[in-house]
N, C-alpha and C. Protein backbone atom coordinates (compact mmCIF):
# COMPACT_ATOMS: atom_id res chain seq x y z
N MET A 1 -0.28 -19.78 -26.50
CA MET A 1 0.17 -18.44 -26.73
C MET A 1 -0.39 -17.54 -25.63
N LEU A 2 0.49 -16.83 -24.99
CA LEU A 2 0.08 -15.90 -23.94
C LEU A 2 -0.64 -14.72 -24.56
N GLU A 3 -1.85 -14.46 -24.09
CA GLU A 3 -2.66 -13.38 -24.66
C GLU A 3 -2.76 -12.16 -23.77
N ARG A 4 -2.68 -12.37 -22.46
CA ARG A 4 -2.84 -11.22 -21.57
C ARG A 4 -2.20 -11.53 -20.22
N VAL A 5 -1.63 -10.50 -19.61
CA VAL A 5 -1.08 -10.59 -18.25
C VAL A 5 -1.76 -9.49 -17.44
N ILE A 6 -2.32 -9.88 -16.31
CA ILE A 6 -3.00 -8.94 -15.42
C ILE A 6 -2.29 -9.01 -14.06
N VAL A 7 -1.85 -7.86 -13.56
CA VAL A 7 -1.12 -7.81 -12.29
C VAL A 7 -1.85 -6.89 -11.33
N ASP A 8 -2.05 -7.39 -10.11
CA ASP A 8 -2.64 -6.59 -9.04
C ASP A 8 -1.90 -6.93 -7.76
N GLY A 9 -0.90 -6.14 -7.43
CA GLY A 9 -0.08 -6.45 -6.26
C GLY A 9 0.65 -7.77 -6.46
N GLY A 10 0.43 -8.70 -5.53
CA GLY A 10 1.06 -10.01 -5.60
C GLY A 10 0.28 -11.04 -6.39
N ASP A 11 -0.84 -10.63 -6.98
CA ASP A 11 -1.64 -11.54 -7.80
C ASP A 11 -1.35 -11.27 -9.27
N VAL A 12 -1.07 -12.35 -9.99
CA VAL A 12 -0.82 -12.25 -11.43
C VAL A 12 -1.70 -13.28 -12.12
N VAL A 13 -2.41 -12.85 -13.15
CA VAL A 13 -3.24 -13.76 -13.93
C VAL A 13 -2.72 -13.77 -15.36
N LEU A 14 -2.46 -14.96 -15.87
CA LEU A 14 -2.02 -15.15 -17.25
C LEU A 14 -3.17 -15.79 -18.01
N LEU A 15 -3.55 -15.21 -19.14
CA LEU A 15 -4.59 -15.77 -19.99
C LEU A 15 -3.92 -16.25 -21.27
N ALA A 16 -4.18 -17.50 -21.63
CA ALA A 16 -3.47 -18.09 -22.76
C ALA A 16 -4.36 -19.03 -23.55
N VAL A 17 -3.94 -19.31 -24.77
CA VAL A 17 -4.58 -20.30 -25.63
C VAL A 17 -3.48 -21.25 -26.07
N GLY A 18 -3.75 -22.53 -25.95
CA GLY A 18 -2.75 -23.51 -26.36
C GLY A 18 -3.33 -24.56 -27.28
N THR A 19 -2.55 -24.94 -28.28
CA THR A 19 -2.93 -26.04 -29.16
C THR A 19 -1.95 -27.17 -28.95
N HIS A 20 -2.47 -28.37 -28.75
CA HIS A 20 -1.66 -29.54 -28.40
C HIS A 20 -2.07 -30.72 -29.26
N THR A 21 -1.19 -31.70 -29.35
CA THR A 21 -1.52 -32.95 -30.02
C THR A 21 -1.20 -34.10 -29.07
N VAL A 22 -2.17 -34.98 -28.87
CA VAL A 22 -1.98 -36.16 -28.03
C VAL A 22 -1.31 -37.22 -28.91
N LEU A 23 -0.10 -37.62 -28.57
CA LEU A 23 0.62 -38.59 -29.39
C LEU A 23 -0.10 -39.93 -29.49
N ALA A 24 -0.69 -40.38 -28.40
CA ALA A 24 -1.34 -41.70 -28.38
C ALA A 24 -2.55 -41.78 -29.31
N THR A 25 -3.26 -40.67 -29.48
CA THR A 25 -4.48 -40.69 -30.29
C THR A 25 -4.35 -39.89 -31.58
N GLY A 26 -3.32 -39.04 -31.65
CA GLY A 26 -3.16 -38.17 -32.81
C GLY A 26 -4.15 -37.01 -32.83
N THR A 27 -4.88 -36.84 -31.77
CA THR A 27 -5.91 -35.81 -31.69
C THR A 27 -5.29 -34.46 -31.35
N GLU A 28 -5.61 -33.46 -32.16
CA GLU A 28 -5.17 -32.10 -31.88
C GLU A 28 -6.33 -31.36 -31.23
N PHE A 29 -6.03 -30.56 -30.22
CA PHE A 29 -7.07 -29.79 -29.55
C PHE A 29 -6.52 -28.44 -29.08
N THR A 30 -7.42 -27.50 -28.95
CA THR A 30 -7.07 -26.16 -28.50
C THR A 30 -7.88 -25.85 -27.25
N THR A 31 -7.22 -25.30 -26.25
CA THR A 31 -7.90 -24.94 -25.02
C THR A 31 -7.50 -23.54 -24.57
N LEU A 32 -8.42 -22.91 -23.87
CA LEU A 32 -8.13 -21.66 -23.18
C LEU A 32 -7.63 -22.01 -21.79
N ALA A 33 -6.76 -21.19 -21.24
CA ALA A 33 -6.28 -21.44 -19.88
C ALA A 33 -6.11 -20.11 -19.16
N ALA A 34 -6.35 -20.17 -17.87
CA ALA A 34 -6.07 -19.04 -16.98
C ALA A 34 -5.19 -19.57 -15.87
N ILE A 35 -4.11 -18.87 -15.61
CA ILE A 35 -3.18 -19.27 -14.55
C ILE A 35 -3.11 -18.13 -13.55
N HIS A 36 -3.43 -18.44 -12.30
CA HIS A 36 -3.37 -17.43 -11.24
C HIS A 36 -2.13 -17.72 -10.41
N LEU A 37 -1.22 -16.77 -10.42
CA LEU A 37 0.00 -16.88 -9.63
C LEU A 37 -0.09 -15.94 -8.44
N MET A 38 0.38 -16.40 -7.30
CA MET A 38 0.53 -15.53 -6.14
C MET A 38 2.03 -15.37 -5.92
N VAL A 39 2.47 -14.12 -5.89
CA VAL A 39 3.89 -13.81 -5.81
C VAL A 39 4.16 -13.11 -4.48
N ASP A 40 5.21 -13.57 -3.80
CA ASP A 40 5.63 -12.96 -2.53
C ASP A 40 7.16 -12.89 -2.55
N ASP A 41 7.69 -11.72 -2.31
CA ASP A 41 9.14 -11.50 -2.28
C ASP A 41 9.78 -11.97 -3.60
N ASN A 42 9.13 -11.64 -4.72
CA ASN A 42 9.60 -11.97 -6.07
C ASN A 42 9.67 -13.48 -6.34
N ARG A 43 8.91 -14.25 -5.61
CA ARG A 43 8.84 -15.70 -5.83
C ARG A 43 7.39 -16.13 -5.98
N ILE A 44 7.17 -17.07 -6.87
CA ILE A 44 5.82 -17.64 -7.01
C ILE A 44 5.61 -18.57 -5.83
N VAL A 45 4.59 -18.28 -5.03
CA VAL A 45 4.32 -19.09 -3.85
C VAL A 45 3.08 -19.97 -4.01
N ARG A 46 2.28 -19.67 -5.03
CA ARG A 46 1.10 -20.49 -5.30
C ARG A 46 0.73 -20.35 -6.76
N LEU A 47 0.24 -21.44 -7.34
CA LEU A 47 -0.17 -21.43 -8.74
C LEU A 47 -1.47 -22.21 -8.85
N HIS A 48 -2.45 -21.60 -9.48
CA HIS A 48 -3.71 -22.29 -9.79
C HIS A 48 -3.89 -22.26 -11.29
N LEU A 49 -4.17 -23.42 -11.88
CA LEU A 49 -4.38 -23.54 -13.32
C LEU A 49 -5.84 -23.87 -13.57
N TYR A 50 -6.45 -23.11 -14.45
CA TYR A 50 -7.85 -23.33 -14.83
C TYR A 50 -7.87 -23.60 -16.34
N GLU A 51 -8.39 -24.75 -16.73
CA GLU A 51 -8.46 -25.08 -18.14
C GLU A 51 -9.69 -25.94 -18.41
N ASP A 52 -9.98 -26.15 -19.67
CA ASP A 52 -11.13 -26.93 -20.09
C ASP A 52 -10.77 -28.41 -20.02
N THR A 53 -10.94 -29.00 -18.86
CA THR A 53 -10.52 -30.39 -18.67
C THR A 53 -11.38 -31.39 -19.45
N LEU A 54 -12.60 -31.04 -19.78
CA LEU A 54 -13.43 -31.93 -20.60
C LEU A 54 -12.83 -32.08 -22.00
N THR A 55 -12.39 -30.98 -22.59
CA THR A 55 -11.75 -31.04 -23.91
C THR A 55 -10.47 -31.86 -23.85
N VAL A 56 -9.68 -31.68 -22.82
CA VAL A 56 -8.45 -32.46 -22.65
C VAL A 56 -8.76 -33.93 -22.53
N ASP A 57 -9.74 -34.28 -21.71
CA ASP A 57 -10.12 -35.68 -21.52
C ASP A 57 -10.59 -36.30 -22.83
N LYS A 58 -11.41 -35.59 -23.58
CA LYS A 58 -11.88 -36.11 -24.87
C LYS A 58 -10.73 -36.37 -25.84
N ALA A 59 -9.74 -35.50 -25.85
CA ALA A 59 -8.60 -35.68 -26.75
C ALA A 59 -7.79 -36.91 -26.37
N PHE A 60 -7.65 -37.18 -25.08
CA PHE A 60 -6.88 -38.34 -24.64
C PHE A 60 -7.63 -39.64 -24.83
N HIS A 61 -8.95 -39.57 -24.93
CA HIS A 61 -9.76 -40.78 -25.07
C HIS A 61 -10.46 -40.87 -26.42
N ALA A 62 -9.94 -40.14 -27.42
CA ALA A 62 -10.53 -40.16 -28.76
C ALA A 62 -10.24 -41.49 -29.44
N GLY A 63 -11.11 -41.83 -30.35
CA GLY A 63 -10.84 -43.01 -31.16
C GLY A 63 -11.71 -44.11 -30.77
């Protein structure tokens, strides 16, 4: 779920919370994410995703 959008010129930051279920393990997990977009001429030219990769890894290797 998108919680906040921050815009400063060509920089856009999206703050979100997502809940997912890994089909292979049945593990449900929730993570926070920040996505930094760089926009030029109304096009996304760069995207950086920041998330809790340890939580994601644990969900995929549960059991």
